[in-house]
mmCIF file of all heavy atoms, coordinates in Angstrom:
data_MODEL
# 
_entry.id   MODEL 
# 
loop_
_atom_site.group_PDB 
_atom_site.id 
_atom_site.type_symbol 
_atom_site.label_atom_id 
_atom_site.label_alt_id 
_atom_site.label_comp_id 
_atom_site.label_asym_id 
_atom_site.label_entity_id 
_atom_site.label_seq_id 
_atom_site.pdbx_PDB_ins_code 
_atom_site.Cartn_x 
_atom_site.Cartn_y 
_atom_site.Cartn_z 
_atom_site.occupancy 
_atom_site.B_iso_or_equiv 
_atom_site.pdbx_formal_charge 
_atom_site.auth_seq_id 
_atom_site.auth_comp_id 
_atom_site.auth_asym_id 
_atom_site.auth_atom_id 
_atom_site.pdbx_PDB_model_num 
ATOM 1   N N   . LEU A 1 1  ? 48.114 -23.164 87.238 1.00 0.00 ? 1  LEU A N   1 
ATOM 2   C CA  . LEU A 1 1  ? 47.514 -24.339 86.614 1.00 0.00 ? 1  LEU A CA  1 
ATOM 3   C C   . LEU A 1 1  ? 47.988 -24.475 85.171 1.00 0.00 ? 1  LEU A C   1 
ATOM 4   O O   . LEU A 1 1  ? 48.302 -25.571 84.710 1.00 0.00 ? 1  LEU A O   1 
ATOM 5   C CB  . LEU A 1 1  ? 45.988 -24.259 86.666 1.00 0.00 ? 1  LEU A CB  1 
ATOM 6   C CG  . LEU A 1 1  ? 45.233 -25.403 86.008 1.00 0.00 ? 1  LEU A CG  1 
ATOM 7   C CD1 . LEU A 1 1  ? 45.597 -26.738 86.633 1.00 0.00 ? 1  LEU A CD1 1 
ATOM 8   C CD2 . LEU A 1 1  ? 43.731 -25.149 86.095 1.00 0.00 ? 1  LEU A CD2 1 
ATOM 9   N N   . GLY A 1 2  ? 48.070 -23.362 84.469 1.00 0.00 ? 2  GLY A N   1 
ATOM 10  C CA  . GLY A 1 2  ? 48.582 -23.406 83.094 1.00 0.00 ? 2  GLY A CA  1 
ATOM 11  C C   . GLY A 1 2  ? 50.011 -23.898 83.044 1.00 0.00 ? 2  GLY A C   1 
ATOM 12  O O   . GLY A 1 2  ? 50.377 -24.722 82.195 1.00 0.00 ? 2  GLY A O   1 
ATOM 13  N N   . VAL A 1 3  ? 50.829 -23.433 83.972 1.00 0.00 ? 3  VAL A N   1 
ATOM 14  C CA  . VAL A 1 3  ? 52.230 -23.871 84.038 1.00 0.00 ? 3  VAL A CA  1 
ATOM 15  C C   . VAL A 1 3  ? 52.301 -25.366 84.340 1.00 0.00 ? 3  VAL A C   1 
ATOM 16  O O   . VAL A 1 3  ? 53.025 -26.116 83.677 1.00 0.00 ? 3  VAL A O   1 
ATOM 17  C CB  . VAL A 1 3  ? 53.006 -23.056 85.095 1.00 0.00 ? 3  VAL A CB  1 
ATOM 18  C CG1 . VAL A 1 3  ? 54.393 -23.630 85.319 1.00 0.00 ? 3  VAL A CG1 1 
ATOM 19  C CG2 . VAL A 1 3  ? 53.088 -21.584 84.699 1.00 0.00 ? 3  VAL A CG2 1 
ATOM 20  N N   . VAL A 1 4  ? 51.541 -25.799 85.346 1.00 0.00 ? 4  VAL A N   1 
ATOM 21  C CA  . VAL A 1 4  ? 51.545 -27.214 85.729 1.00 0.00 ? 4  VAL A CA  1 
ATOM 22  C C   . VAL A 1 4  ? 51.051 -28.092 84.583 1.00 0.00 ? 4  VAL A C   1 
ATOM 23  O O   . VAL A 1 4  ? 51.602 -29.170 84.324 1.00 0.00 ? 4  VAL A O   1 
ATOM 24  C CB  . VAL A 1 4  ? 50.709 -27.433 87.016 1.00 0.00 ? 4  VAL A CB  1 
ATOM 25  C CG1 . VAL A 1 4  ? 50.424 -28.904 87.260 1.00 0.00 ? 4  VAL A CG1 1 
ATOM 26  C CG2 . VAL A 1 4  ? 51.416 -26.812 88.206 1.00 0.00 ? 4  VAL A CG2 1 
ATOM 27  N N   . GLU A 1 5  ? 50.021 -27.645 83.865 1.00 0.00 ? 5  GLU A N   1 
ATOM 28  C CA  . GLU A 1 5  ? 49.519 -28.422 82.722 1.00 0.00 ? 5  GLU A CA  1 
ATOM 29  C C   . GLU A 1 5  ? 50.583 -28.599 81.654 1.00 0.00 ? 5  GLU A C   1 
ATOM 30  O O   . GLU A 1 5  ? 50.754 -29.690 81.110 1.00 0.00 ? 5  GLU A O   1 
ATOM 31  C CB  . GLU A 1 5  ? 48.284 -27.748 82.118 1.00 0.00 ? 5  GLU A CB  1 
ATOM 32  C CG  . GLU A 1 5  ? 47.034 -27.943 82.937 1.00 0.00 ? 5  GLU A CG  1 
ATOM 33  C CD  . GLU A 1 5  ? 45.818 -27.285 82.309 1.00 0.00 ? 5  GLU A CD  1 
ATOM 34  O OE1 . GLU A 1 5  ? 45.966 -26.284 81.567 1.00 0.00 ? 5  GLU A OE1 1 
ATOM 35  O OE2 . GLU A 1 5  ? 44.710 -27.770 82.564 1.00 0.00 ? 5  GLU A OE2 1 
ATOM 36  N N   . VAL A 1 6  ? 51.318 -27.540 81.349 1.00 0.00 ? 6  VAL A N   1 
ATOM 37  C CA  . VAL A 1 6  ? 52.377 -27.633 80.332 1.00 0.00 ? 6  VAL A CA  1 
ATOM 38  C C   . VAL A 1 6  ? 53.493 -28.564 80.817 1.00 0.00 ? 6  VAL A C   1 
ATOM 39  O O   . VAL A 1 6  ? 53.984 -29.403 80.055 1.00 0.00 ? 6  VAL A O   1 
ATOM 40  C CB  . VAL A 1 6  ? 52.928 -26.238 79.965 1.00 0.00 ? 6  VAL A CB  1 
ATOM 41  C CG1 . VAL A 1 6  ? 54.184 -26.348 79.115 1.00 0.00 ? 6  VAL A CG1 1 
ATOM 42  C CG2 . VAL A 1 6  ? 51.870 -25.420 79.237 1.00 0.00 ? 6  VAL A CG2 1 
ATOM 43  N N   . LEU A 1 7  ? 53.882 -28.418 82.089 1.00 0.00 ? 7  LEU A N   1 
ATOM 44  C CA  . LEU A 1 7  ? 54.908 -29.318 82.631 1.00 0.00 ? 7  LEU A CA  1 
ATOM 45  C C   . LEU A 1 7  ? 54.448 -30.772 82.543 1.00 0.00 ? 7  LEU A C   1 
ATOM 46  O O   . LEU A 1 7  ? 55.229 -31.661 82.188 1.00 0.00 ? 7  LEU A O   1 
ATOM 47  C CB  . LEU A 1 7  ? 55.233 -28.951 84.086 1.00 0.00 ? 7  LEU A CB  1 
ATOM 48  C CG  . LEU A 1 7  ? 55.975 -27.649 84.299 1.00 0.00 ? 7  LEU A CG  1 
ATOM 49  C CD1 . LEU A 1 7  ? 56.055 -27.325 85.790 1.00 0.00 ? 7  LEU A CD1 1 
ATOM 50  C CD2 . LEU A 1 7  ? 57.357 -27.686 83.686 1.00 0.00 ? 7  LEU A CD2 1 
ATOM 51  N N   . HIS A 1 8  ? 53.186 -31.016 82.865 1.00 0.00 ? 8  HIS A N   1 
ATOM 52  C CA  . HIS A 1 8  ? 52.635 -32.373 82.794 1.00 0.00 ? 8  HIS A CA  1 
ATOM 53  C C   . HIS A 1 8  ? 52.605 -32.891 81.355 1.00 0.00 ? 8  HIS A C   1 
ATOM 54  O O   . HIS A 1 8  ? 53.013 -34.020 81.083 1.00 0.00 ? 8  HIS A O   1 
ATOM 55  C CB  . HIS A 1 8  ? 51.236 -32.411 83.406 1.00 0.00 ? 8  HIS A CB  1 
ATOM 56  C CG  . HIS A 1 8  ? 50.593 -33.752 83.310 1.00 0.00 ? 8  HIS A CG  1 
ATOM 57  N ND1 . HIS A 1 8  ? 51.012 -34.837 84.055 1.00 0.00 ? 8  HIS A ND1 1 
ATOM 58  C CD2 . HIS A 1 8  ? 49.574 -34.192 82.543 1.00 0.00 ? 8  HIS A CD2 1 
ATOM 59  C CE1 . HIS A 1 8  ? 50.281 -35.879 83.735 1.00 0.00 ? 8  HIS A CE1 1 
ATOM 60  N NE2 . HIS A 1 8  ? 49.391 -35.521 82.829 1.00 0.00 ? 8  HIS A NE2 1 
ATOM 61  N N   . MET A 1 9  ? 52.136 -32.067 80.430 1.00 0.00 ? 9  MET A N   1 
ATOM 62  C CA  . MET A 1 9  ? 52.052 -32.492 79.023 1.00 0.00 ? 9  MET A CA  1 
ATOM 63  C C   . MET A 1 9  ? 53.428 -32.833 78.457 1.00 0.00 ? 9  MET A C   1 
ATOM 64  O O   . MET A 1 9  ? 53.546 -33.705 77.597 1.00 0.00 ? 9  MET A O   1 
ATOM 65  C CB  . MET A 1 9  ? 51.398 -31.404 78.167 1.00 0.00 ? 9  MET A CB  1 
ATOM 66  C CG  . MET A 1 9  ? 49.909 -31.260 78.415 1.00 0.00 ? 9  MET A CG  1 
ATOM 67  S SD  . MET A 1 9  ? 49.044 -30.104 77.315 1.00 0.00 ? 9  MET A SD  1 
ATOM 68  C CE  . MET A 1 9  ? 50.089 -28.685 77.269 1.00 0.00 ? 9  MET A CE  1 
ATOM 69  N N   . ARG A 1 10 ? 54.454 -32.163 78.937 1.00 0.00 ? 10 ARG A N   1 
ATOM 70  C CA  . ARG A 1 10 ? 55.818 -32.410 78.442 1.00 0.00 ? 10 ARG A CA  1 
ATOM 71  C C   . ARG A 1 10 ? 56.560 -33.464 79.264 1.00 0.00 ? 10 ARG A C   1 
ATOM 72  O O   . ARG A 1 10 ? 57.738 -33.707 79.037 1.00 0.00 ? 10 ARG A O   1 
ATOM 73  C CB  . ARG A 1 10 ? 56.593 -31.111 78.410 1.00 0.00 ? 10 ARG A CB  1 
ATOM 74  C CG  . ARG A 1 10 ? 55.984 -30.154 77.409 1.00 0.00 ? 10 ARG A CG  1 
ATOM 75  C CD  . ARG A 1 10 ? 56.773 -28.923 77.232 1.00 0.00 ? 10 ARG A CD  1 
ATOM 76  N NE  . ARG A 1 10 ? 56.104 -28.077 76.241 1.00 0.00 ? 10 ARG A NE  1 
ATOM 77  C CZ  . ARG A 1 10 ? 56.567 -26.928 75.840 1.00 0.00 ? 10 ARG A CZ  1 
ATOM 78  N NH1 . ARG A 1 10 ? 57.703 -26.464 76.322 1.00 0.00 ? 10 ARG A NH1 1 
ATOM 79  N NH2 . ARG A 1 10 ? 55.918 -26.221 74.948 1.00 0.00 ? 10 ARG A NH2 1 
ATOM 80  N N   . GLY A 1 11 ? 55.874 -34.077 80.223 1.00 0.00 ? 11 GLY A N   1 
ATOM 81  C CA  . GLY A 1 11 ? 56.479 -35.129 81.037 1.00 0.00 ? 11 GLY A CA  1 
ATOM 82  C C   . GLY A 1 11 ? 57.465 -34.624 82.070 1.00 0.00 ? 11 GLY A C   1 
ATOM 83  O O   . GLY A 1 11 ? 58.285 -35.391 82.571 1.00 0.00 ? 11 GLY A O   1 
ATOM 84  N N   . LEU A 1 12 ? 57.387 -33.340 82.395 1.00 0.00 ? 12 LEU A N   1 
ATOM 85  C CA  . LEU A 1 12 ? 58.345 -32.746 83.324 1.00 0.00 ? 12 LEU A CA  1 
ATOM 86  C C   . LEU A 1 12 ? 57.821 -32.634 84.751 1.00 0.00 ? 12 LEU A C   1 
ATOM 87  O O   . LEU A 1 12 ? 58.618 -32.544 85.691 1.00 0.00 ? 12 LEU A O   1 
ATOM 88  C CB  . LEU A 1 12 ? 58.770 -31.357 82.821 1.00 0.00 ? 12 LEU A CB  1 
ATOM 89  C CG  . LEU A 1 12 ? 59.434 -31.338 81.449 1.00 0.00 ? 12 LEU A CG  1 
ATOM 90  C CD1 . LEU A 1 12 ? 59.648 -29.906 80.986 1.00 0.00 ? 12 LEU A CD1 1 
ATOM 91  C CD2 . LEU A 1 12 ? 60.743 -32.112 81.493 1.00 0.00 ? 12 LEU A CD2 1 
ATOM 92  N N   . PHE A 1 13 ? 56.519 -32.642 84.938 1.00 0.00 ? 13 PHE A N   1 
ATOM 93  C CA  . PHE A 1 13 ? 55.963 -32.453 86.277 1.00 0.00 ? 13 PHE A CA  1 
ATOM 94  C C   . PHE A 1 13 ? 56.419 -33.546 87.230 1.00 0.00 ? 13 PHE A C   1 
ATOM 95  O O   . PHE A 1 13 ? 56.675 -33.300 88.401 1.00 0.00 ? 13 PHE A O   1 
ATOM 96  C CB  . PHE A 1 13 ? 54.436 -32.367 86.232 1.00 0.00 ? 13 PHE A CB  1 
ATOM 97  C CG  . PHE A 1 13 ? 53.840 -31.981 87.558 1.00 0.00 ? 13 PHE A CG  1 
ATOM 98  C CD1 . PHE A 1 13 ? 53.894 -30.675 88.001 1.00 0.00 ? 13 PHE A CD1 1 
ATOM 99  C CD2 . PHE A 1 13 ? 53.257 -32.937 88.370 1.00 0.00 ? 13 PHE A CD2 1 
ATOM 100 C CE1 . PHE A 1 13 ? 53.368 -30.312 89.238 1.00 0.00 ? 13 PHE A CE1 1 
ATOM 101 C CE2 . PHE A 1 13 ? 52.725 -32.593 89.597 1.00 0.00 ? 13 PHE A CE2 1 
ATOM 102 C CZ  . PHE A 1 13 ? 52.783 -31.271 90.033 1.00 0.00 ? 13 PHE A CZ  1 
ATOM 103 N N   . ARG A 1 14 ? 56.565 -34.748 86.739 1.00 0.00 ? 14 ARG A N   1 
ATOM 104 C CA  . ARG A 1 14 ? 56.963 -35.863 87.600 1.00 0.00 ? 14 ARG A CA  1 
ATOM 105 C C   . ARG A 1 14 ? 58.399 -35.754 88.079 1.00 0.00 ? 14 ARG A C   1 
ATOM 106 O O   . ARG A 1 14 ? 58.808 -36.468 88.989 1.00 0.00 ? 14 ARG A O   1 
ATOM 107 C CB  . ARG A 1 14 ? 56.742 -37.195 86.884 1.00 0.00 ? 14 ARG A CB  1 
ATOM 108 C CG  . ARG A 1 14 ? 57.622 -37.399 85.693 1.00 0.00 ? 14 ARG A CG  1 
ATOM 109 C CD  . ARG A 1 14 ? 57.159 -38.588 84.866 1.00 0.00 ? 14 ARG A CD  1 
ATOM 110 N NE  . ARG A 1 14 ? 58.234 -39.051 84.015 1.00 0.00 ? 14 ARG A NE  1 
ATOM 111 C CZ  . ARG A 1 14 ? 58.766 -40.247 84.064 1.00 0.00 ? 14 ARG A CZ  1 
ATOM 112 N NH1 . ARG A 1 14 ? 58.296 -41.136 84.916 1.00 0.00 ? 14 ARG A NH1 1 
ATOM 113 N NH2 . ARG A 1 14 ? 59.739 -40.585 83.268 1.00 0.00 ? 14 ARG A NH2 1 
ATOM 114 N N   . LEU A 1 15 ? 59.169 -34.839 87.487 1.00 0.00 ? 15 LEU A N   1 
ATOM 115 C CA  . LEU A 1 15 ? 60.559 -34.653 87.891 1.00 0.00 ? 15 LEU A CA  1 
ATOM 116 C C   . LEU A 1 15 ? 60.706 -33.690 89.070 1.00 0.00 ? 15 LEU A C   1 
ATOM 117 O O   . LEU A 1 15 ? 61.812 -33.508 89.586 1.00 0.00 ? 15 LEU A O   1 
ATOM 118 C CB  . LEU A 1 15 ? 61.385 -34.125 86.711 1.00 0.00 ? 15 LEU A CB  1 
ATOM 119 C CG  . LEU A 1 15 ? 61.377 -35.001 85.457 1.00 0.00 ? 15 LEU A CG  1 
ATOM 120 C CD1 . LEU A 1 15 ? 62.186 -34.344 84.358 1.00 0.00 ? 15 LEU A CD1 1 
ATOM 121 C CD2 . LEU A 1 15 ? 61.896 -36.397 85.763 1.00 0.00 ? 15 LEU A CD2 1 
ATOM 122 N N   . ILE A 1 16 ? 59.611 -33.088 89.515 1.00 0.00 ? 16 ILE A N   1 
ATOM 123 C CA  . ILE A 1 16 ? 59.668 -32.107 90.600 1.00 0.00 ? 16 ILE A CA  1 
ATOM 124 C C   . ILE A 1 16 ? 59.784 -32.826 91.946 1.00 0.00 ? 16 ILE A C   1 
ATOM 125 O O   . ILE A 1 16 ? 58.980 -33.692 92.275 1.00 0.00 ? 16 ILE A O   1 
ATOM 126 C CB  . ILE A 1 16 ? 58.426 -31.194 90.562 1.00 0.00 ? 16 ILE A CB  1 
ATOM 127 C CG1 . ILE A 1 16 ? 58.440 -30.377 89.276 1.00 0.00 ? 16 ILE A CG1 1 
ATOM 128 C CG2 . ILE A 1 16 ? 58.385 -30.282 91.792 1.00 0.00 ? 16 ILE A CG2 1 
ATOM 129 C CD1 . ILE A 1 16 ? 57.181 -29.606 89.011 1.00 0.00 ? 16 ILE A CD1 1 
ATOM 130 N N   . ASP A 1 17 ? 60.827 -32.448 92.706 1.00 0.00 ? 17 ASP A N   1 
ATOM 131 C CA  . ASP A 1 17 ? 61.074 -33.045 94.013 1.00 0.00 ? 17 ASP A CA  1 
ATOM 132 C C   . ASP A 1 17 ? 60.465 -32.235 95.151 1.00 0.00 ? 17 ASP A C   1 
ATOM 133 O O   . ASP A 1 17 ? 60.109 -32.793 96.186 1.00 0.00 ? 17 ASP A O   1 
ATOM 134 C CB  . ASP A 1 17 ? 62.587 -33.160 94.252 1.00 0.00 ? 17 ASP A CB  1 
ATOM 135 C CG  . ASP A 1 17 ? 63.263 -34.038 93.211 1.00 0.00 ? 17 ASP A CG  1 
ATOM 136 O OD1 . ASP A 1 17 ? 62.815 -35.176 93.019 1.00 0.00 ? 17 ASP A OD1 1 
ATOM 137 O OD2 . ASP A 1 17 ? 64.228 -33.566 92.582 1.00 0.00 ? 17 ASP A OD2 1 
ATOM 138 N N   . TYR A 1 18 ? 60.393 -30.920 94.977 1.00 0.00 ? 18 TYR A N   1 
ATOM 139 C CA  . TYR A 1 18 ? 59.897 -30.024 96.025 1.00 0.00 ? 18 TYR A CA  1 
ATOM 140 C C   . TYR A 1 18 ? 58.814 -29.123 95.463 1.00 0.00 ? 18 TYR A C   1 
ATOM 141 O O   . TYR A 1 18 ? 58.914 -28.661 94.335 1.00 0.00 ? 18 TYR A O   1 
ATOM 142 C CB  . TYR A 1 18 ? 61.023 -29.124 96.560 1.00 0.00 ? 18 TYR A CB  1 
ATOM 143 C CG  . TYR A 1 18 ? 62.117 -29.874 97.266 1.00 0.00 ? 18 TYR A CG  1 
ATOM 144 C CD1 . TYR A 1 18 ? 63.277 -30.244 96.593 1.00 0.00 ? 18 TYR A CD1 1 
ATOM 145 C CD2 . TYR A 1 18 ? 61.998 -30.191 98.613 1.00 0.00 ? 18 TYR A CD2 1 
ATOM 146 C CE1 . TYR A 1 18 ? 64.287 -30.920 97.240 1.00 0.00 ? 18 TYR A CE1 1 
ATOM 147 C CE2 . TYR A 1 18 ? 63.007 -30.868 99.265 1.00 0.00 ? 18 TYR A CE2 1 
ATOM 148 C CZ  . TYR A 1 18 ? 64.153 -31.233 98.578 1.00 0.00 ? 18 TYR A CZ  1 
ATOM 149 O OH  . TYR A 1 18 ? 65.149 -31.912 99.227 1.00 0.00 ? 18 TYR A OH  1 
ATOM 150 N N   . LEU A 1 19 ? 57.798 -28.864 96.280 1.00 0.00 ? 19 LEU A N   1 
ATOM 151 C CA  . LEU A 1 19 ? 56.726 -27.951 95.900 1.00 0.00 ? 19 LEU A CA  1 
ATOM 152 C C   . LEU A 1 19 ? 56.544 -26.941 97.017 1.00 0.00 ? 19 LEU A C   1 
ATOM 153 O O   . LEU A 1 19 ? 56.354 -27.310 98.176 1.00 0.00 ? 19 LEU A O   1 
ATOM 154 C CB  . LEU A 1 19 ? 55.425 -28.725 95.669 1.00 0.00 ? 19 LEU A CB  1 
ATOM 155 C CG  . LEU A 1 19 ? 54.202 -27.914 95.264 1.00 0.00 ? 19 LEU A CG  1 
ATOM 156 C CD1 . LEU A 1 19 ? 54.429 -27.236 93.920 1.00 0.00 ? 19 LEU A CD1 1 
ATOM 157 C CD2 . LEU A 1 19 ? 52.980 -28.816 95.199 1.00 0.00 ? 19 LEU A CD2 1 
ATOM 158 N N   . SER A 1 20 ? 56.640 -25.663 96.688 1.00 0.00 ? 20 SER A N   1 
ATOM 159 C CA  . SER A 1 20 ? 56.461 -24.592 97.658 1.00 0.00 ? 20 SER A CA  1 
ATOM 160 C C   . SER A 1 20 ? 55.314 -23.715 97.194 1.00 0.00 ? 20 SER A C   1 
ATOM 161 O O   . SER A 1 20 ? 55.242 -23.343 96.028 1.00 0.00 ? 20 SER A O   1 
ATOM 162 C CB  . SER A 1 20 ? 57.749 -23.761 97.746 1.00 0.00 ? 20 SER A CB  1 
ATOM 163 O OG  . SER A 1 20 ? 57.575 -22.669 98.614 1.00 0.00 ? 20 SER A OG  1 
ATOM 164 N N   . THR A 1 21 ? 54.394 -23.409 98.117 1.00 0.00 ? 21 THR A N   1 
ATOM 165 C CA  . THR A 1 21 ? 53.232 -22.602 97.744 1.00 0.00 ? 21 THR A CA  1 
ATOM 166 C C   . THR A 1 21 ? 53.003 -21.490 98.749 1.00 0.00 ? 21 THR A C   1 
ATOM 167 O O   . THR A 1 21 ? 53.393 -21.589 99.910 1.00 0.00 ? 21 THR A O   1 
ATOM 168 C CB  . THR A 1 21 ? 51.951 -23.459 97.679 1.00 0.00 ? 21 THR A CB  1 
ATOM 169 O OG1 . THR A 1 21 ? 51.632 -23.912 98.993 1.00 0.00 ? 21 THR A OG1 1 
ATOM 170 C CG2 . THR A 1 21 ? 52.109 -24.634 96.742 1.00 0.00 ? 21 THR A CG2 1 
ATOM 171 N N   . VAL A 1 22 ? 52.373 -20.436 98.283 1.00 0.00 ? 22 VAL A N   1 
ATOM 172 C CA  . VAL A 1 22 ? 51.958 -19.321 99.128 1.00 0.00 ? 22 VAL A CA  1 
ATOM 173 C C   . VAL A 1 22 ? 50.570 -18.896 98.675 1.00 0.00 ? 22 VAL A C   1 
ATOM 174 O O   . VAL A 1 22 ? 50.303 -18.785 97.481 1.00 0.00 ? 22 VAL A O   1 
ATOM 175 C CB  . VAL A 1 22 ? 52.928 -18.121 98.987 1.00 0.00 ? 22 VAL A CB  1 
ATOM 176 C CG1 . VAL A 1 22 ? 52.463 -16.941 99.807 1.00 0.00 ? 22 VAL A CG1 1 
ATOM 177 C CG2 . VAL A 1 22 ? 54.332 -18.516 99.380 1.00 0.00 ? 22 VAL A CG2 1 
ATOM 178 N N   . SER A 1 23 ? 49.683 -18.680 99.605 1.00 0.00 ? 23 SER A N   1 
ATOM 179 C CA  . SER A 1 23 ? 48.371 -18.106 99.364 1.00 0.00 ? 23 SER A CA  1 
ATOM 180 C C   . SER A 1 23 ? 47.635 -18.802 98.221 1.00 0.00 ? 23 SER A C   1 
ATOM 181 O O   . SER A 1 23 ? 47.355 -19.981 98.308 1.00 0.00 ? 23 SER A O   1 
ATOM 182 C CB  . SER A 1 23 ? 48.513 -16.601 99.125 1.00 0.00 ? 23 SER A CB  1 
ATOM 183 O OG  . SER A 1 23 ? 47.246 -15.972 99.082 1.00 0.00 ? 23 SER A OG  1 
ATOM 184 N N   . GLY A 1 24 ? 47.346 -18.086 97.143 1.00 0.00 ? 24 GLY A N   1 
ATOM 185 C CA  . GLY A 1 24 ? 46.588 -18.650 96.021 1.00 0.00 ? 24 GLY A CA  1 
ATOM 186 C C   . GLY A 1 24 ? 47.270 -19.850 95.390 1.00 0.00 ? 24 GLY A C   1 
ATOM 187 O O   . GLY A 1 24 ? 46.611 -20.767 94.905 1.00 0.00 ? 24 GLY A O   1 
# 
């Protein structure tokens, strides 16, 4: 969440094309 918040604040989160998740 901290990483995603920083990416969002810097306008970078919207540039992500793929999201991969495991467990938590």
